[in-house]
């Protein structure tokens, strides 16, 4: 399955509550999106999330449906 890196920039510090995290997890499971890992910038205003899913449009719809940014979506592959 293809892998994608999603870069998100937030106006305020990113600090999701448990309810938000559960909503994202539920959405992912219903839409065949597999979250692999995420990184948070030191200022807590950017995230870098790695996903497996069918194609880039799935992640664009994911961001729109959940009301979260998806500033850059890049298909990636393992280096080693």
C-alpha atoms as a PDB file:
ATOM      1  CA  UNK A   1       0.000   0.000   0.000  1.00  0.00           C
ATOM      2  CA  UNK A   2       1.333   3.505  -0.797  1.00  0.00           C
ATOM      3  CA  UNK A   3       2.771   5.653   2.015  1.00  0.00           C
ATOM      4  CA  UNK A   4       2.285   9.402   2.394  1.00  0.00           C
ATOM      5  CA  UNK A   5       3.795  12.109   4.588  1.00  0.00           C
ATOM      6  CA  UNK A   6       1.307  14.814   5.563  1.00  0.00           C
ATOM      7  CA  UNK A   7       2.673  18.146   6.794  1.00  0.00           C
ATOM      8  CA  UNK A   8       0.250  20.233   8.819  1.00  0.00           C
ATOM      9  CA  UNK A   9       0.743  23.764  10.112  1.00  0.00           C
ATOM     10  CA  UNK A  10      -1.467  25.011  12.948  1.00  0.00           C
ATOM     11  CA  UNK A  11      -2.044  28.643  13.967  1.00  0.00           C
ATOM     12  CA  UNK A  12      -1.886  27.683  17.642  1.00  0.00           C
ATOM     13  CA  UNK A  13       0.071  25.015  19.485  1.00  0.00           C
ATOM     14  CA  UNK A  14      -1.215  21.558  18.578  1.00  0.00           C
ATOM     15  CA  UNK A  15      -2.566  19.867  21.688  1.00  0.00           C
ATOM     16  CA  UNK A  16      -5.427  17.485  20.815  1.00  0.00           C
ATOM     17  CA  UNK A  17      -7.674  16.124  23.540  1.00  0.00           C
ATOM     18  CA  UNK A  18      -8.598  12.441  23.891  1.00  0.00           C
ATOM     19  CA  UNK A  19     -11.950  12.949  22.143  1.00  0.00           C
ATOM     20  CA  UNK A  20     -10.240  14.436  19.069  1.00  0.00           C
ATOM     21  CA  UNK A  21      -7.739  11.591  18.917  1.00  0.00           C
ATOM     22  CA  UNK A  22     -10.542   9.007  19.162  1.00  0.00           C
ATOM     23  CA  UNK A  23     -12.482  10.764  16.378  1.00  0.00           C
ATOM     24  CA  UNK A  24      -9.426  10.667  14.093  1.00  0.00           C
ATOM     25  CA  UNK A  25      -8.764   6.994  14.921  1.00  0.00           C
ATOM     26  CA  UNK A  26     -12.403   6.102  14.213  1.00  0.00           C
ATOM     27  CA  UNK A  27     -12.341   7.984  10.923  1.00  0.00           C
ATOM     28  CA  UNK A  28      -9.118   6.234   9.891  1.00  0.00           C
ATOM     29  CA  UNK A  29     -10.497   2.764  10.623  1.00  0.00           C
ATOM     30  CA  UNK A  30     -13.708   3.455   8.678  1.00  0.00           C
ATOM     31  CA  UNK A  31     -11.777   4.762   5.654  1.00  0.00           C
ATOM     32  CA  UNK A  32      -8.932   2.231   5.378  1.00  0.00           C
ATOM     33  CA  UNK A  33      -6.257   4.705   6.487  1.00  0.00           C
ATOM     34  CA  UNK A  34      -3.373   3.310   8.516  1.00  0.00           C
ATOM     35  CA  UNK A  35      -1.535   5.864  10.650  1.00  0.00           C
ATOM     36  CA  UNK A  36       2.115   4.827  11.096  1.00  0.00           C
ATOM     37  CA  UNK A  37       3.749   7.592  13.136  1.00  0.00           C
ATOM     38  CA  UNK A  38       3.792  11.349  13.727  1.00  0.00           C
ATOM     39  CA  UNK A  39       6.340  13.974  14.662  1.00  0.00           C
ATOM     40  CA  UNK A  40       5.639  17.329  16.305  1.00  0.00           C
ATOM     41  CA  UNK A  41       7.841  20.375  15.739  1.00  0.00           C
ATOM     42  CA  UNK A  42       9.584  21.911  18.741  1.00  0.00           C
ATOM     43  CA  UNK A  43       7.197  24.901  18.722  1.00  0.00           C
ATOM     44  CA  UNK A  44       4.225  22.470  18.574  1.00  0.00           C
ATOM     45  CA  UNK A  45       2.732  24.216  15.536  1.00  0.00           C
ATOM     46  CA  UNK A  46       3.601  21.667  12.833  1.00  0.00           C
ATOM     47  CA  UNK A  47       3.020  17.949  12.559  1.00  0.00           C
ATOM     48  CA  UNK A  48       4.495  15.432  10.149  1.00  0.00           C
ATOM     49  CA  UNK A  49       2.349  12.301   9.929  1.00  0.00           C
ATOM     50  CA  UNK A  50       3.063   9.113   8.021  1.00  0.00           C
ATOM     51  CA  UNK A  51       0.109   7.110   6.674  1.00  0.00           C
ATOM     52  CA  UNK A  52      -0.630   4.141   4.453  1.00  0.00           C
ATOM     53  CA  UNK A  53      -3.738   4.449   2.283  1.00  0.00           C
ATOM     54  CA  UNK A  54      -4.958   3.871  -1.253  1.00  0.00           C
ATOM     55  CA  UNK A  55      -4.109   7.301  -2.686  1.00  0.00           C
ATOM     56  CA  UNK A  56      -3.544  10.972  -1.958  1.00  0.00           C
ATOM     57  CA  UNK A  57      -7.226  11.860  -2.426  1.00  0.00           C
ATOM     58  CA  UNK A  58      -8.118   9.757   0.615  1.00  0.00           C
ATOM     59  CA  UNK A  59      -5.893  12.009   2.751  1.00  0.00           C
ATOM     60  CA  UNK A  60      -7.247  15.218   1.209  1.00  0.00           C
ATOM     61  CA  UNK A  61     -10.781  14.052   2.056  1.00  0.00           C
ATOM     62  CA  UNK A  62      -9.560  13.022   5.551  1.00  0.00           C
ATOM     63  CA  UNK A  63      -8.314  16.568   6.231  1.00  0.00           C
ATOM     64  CA  UNK A  64     -11.461  18.218   4.862  1.00  0.00           C
ATOM     65  CA  UNK A  65     -13.842  15.912   6.730  1.00  0.00           C
ATOM     66  CA  UNK A  66     -12.000  16.355  10.036  1.00  0.00           C
ATOM     67  CA  UNK A  67     -11.361  20.092   9.601  1.00  0.00           C
ATOM     68  CA  UNK A  68      -7.592  19.781   9.958  1.00  0.00           C
ATOM     69  CA  UNK A  69      -4.928  21.194   7.662  1.00  0.00           C
ATOM     70  CA  UNK A  70      -3.017  19.135   5.124  1.00  0.00           C
ATOM     71  CA  UNK A  71      -0.598  21.720   3.771  1.00  0.00           C
ATOM     72  CA  UNK A  72       1.676  19.285   1.945  1.00  0.00           C
ATOM     73  CA  UNK A  73       1.016  15.638   1.110  1.00  0.00           C
ATOM     74  CA  UNK A  74       3.933  13.723  -0.373  1.00  0.00           C
ATOM     75  CA  UNK A  75       4.039  10.113  -1.457  1.00  0.00           C
ATOM     76  CA  UNK A  76       7.121   8.519   0.109  1.00  0.00           C
ATOM     77  CA  UNK A  77       8.955   5.206   0.019  1.00  0.00           C
ATOM     78  CA  UNK A  78      11.301   3.471   2.428  1.00  0.00           C
ATOM     79  CA  UNK A  79      14.944   4.381   1.939  1.00  0.00           C
ATOM     80  CA  UNK A  80      16.431   1.326   3.618  1.00  0.00           C
END
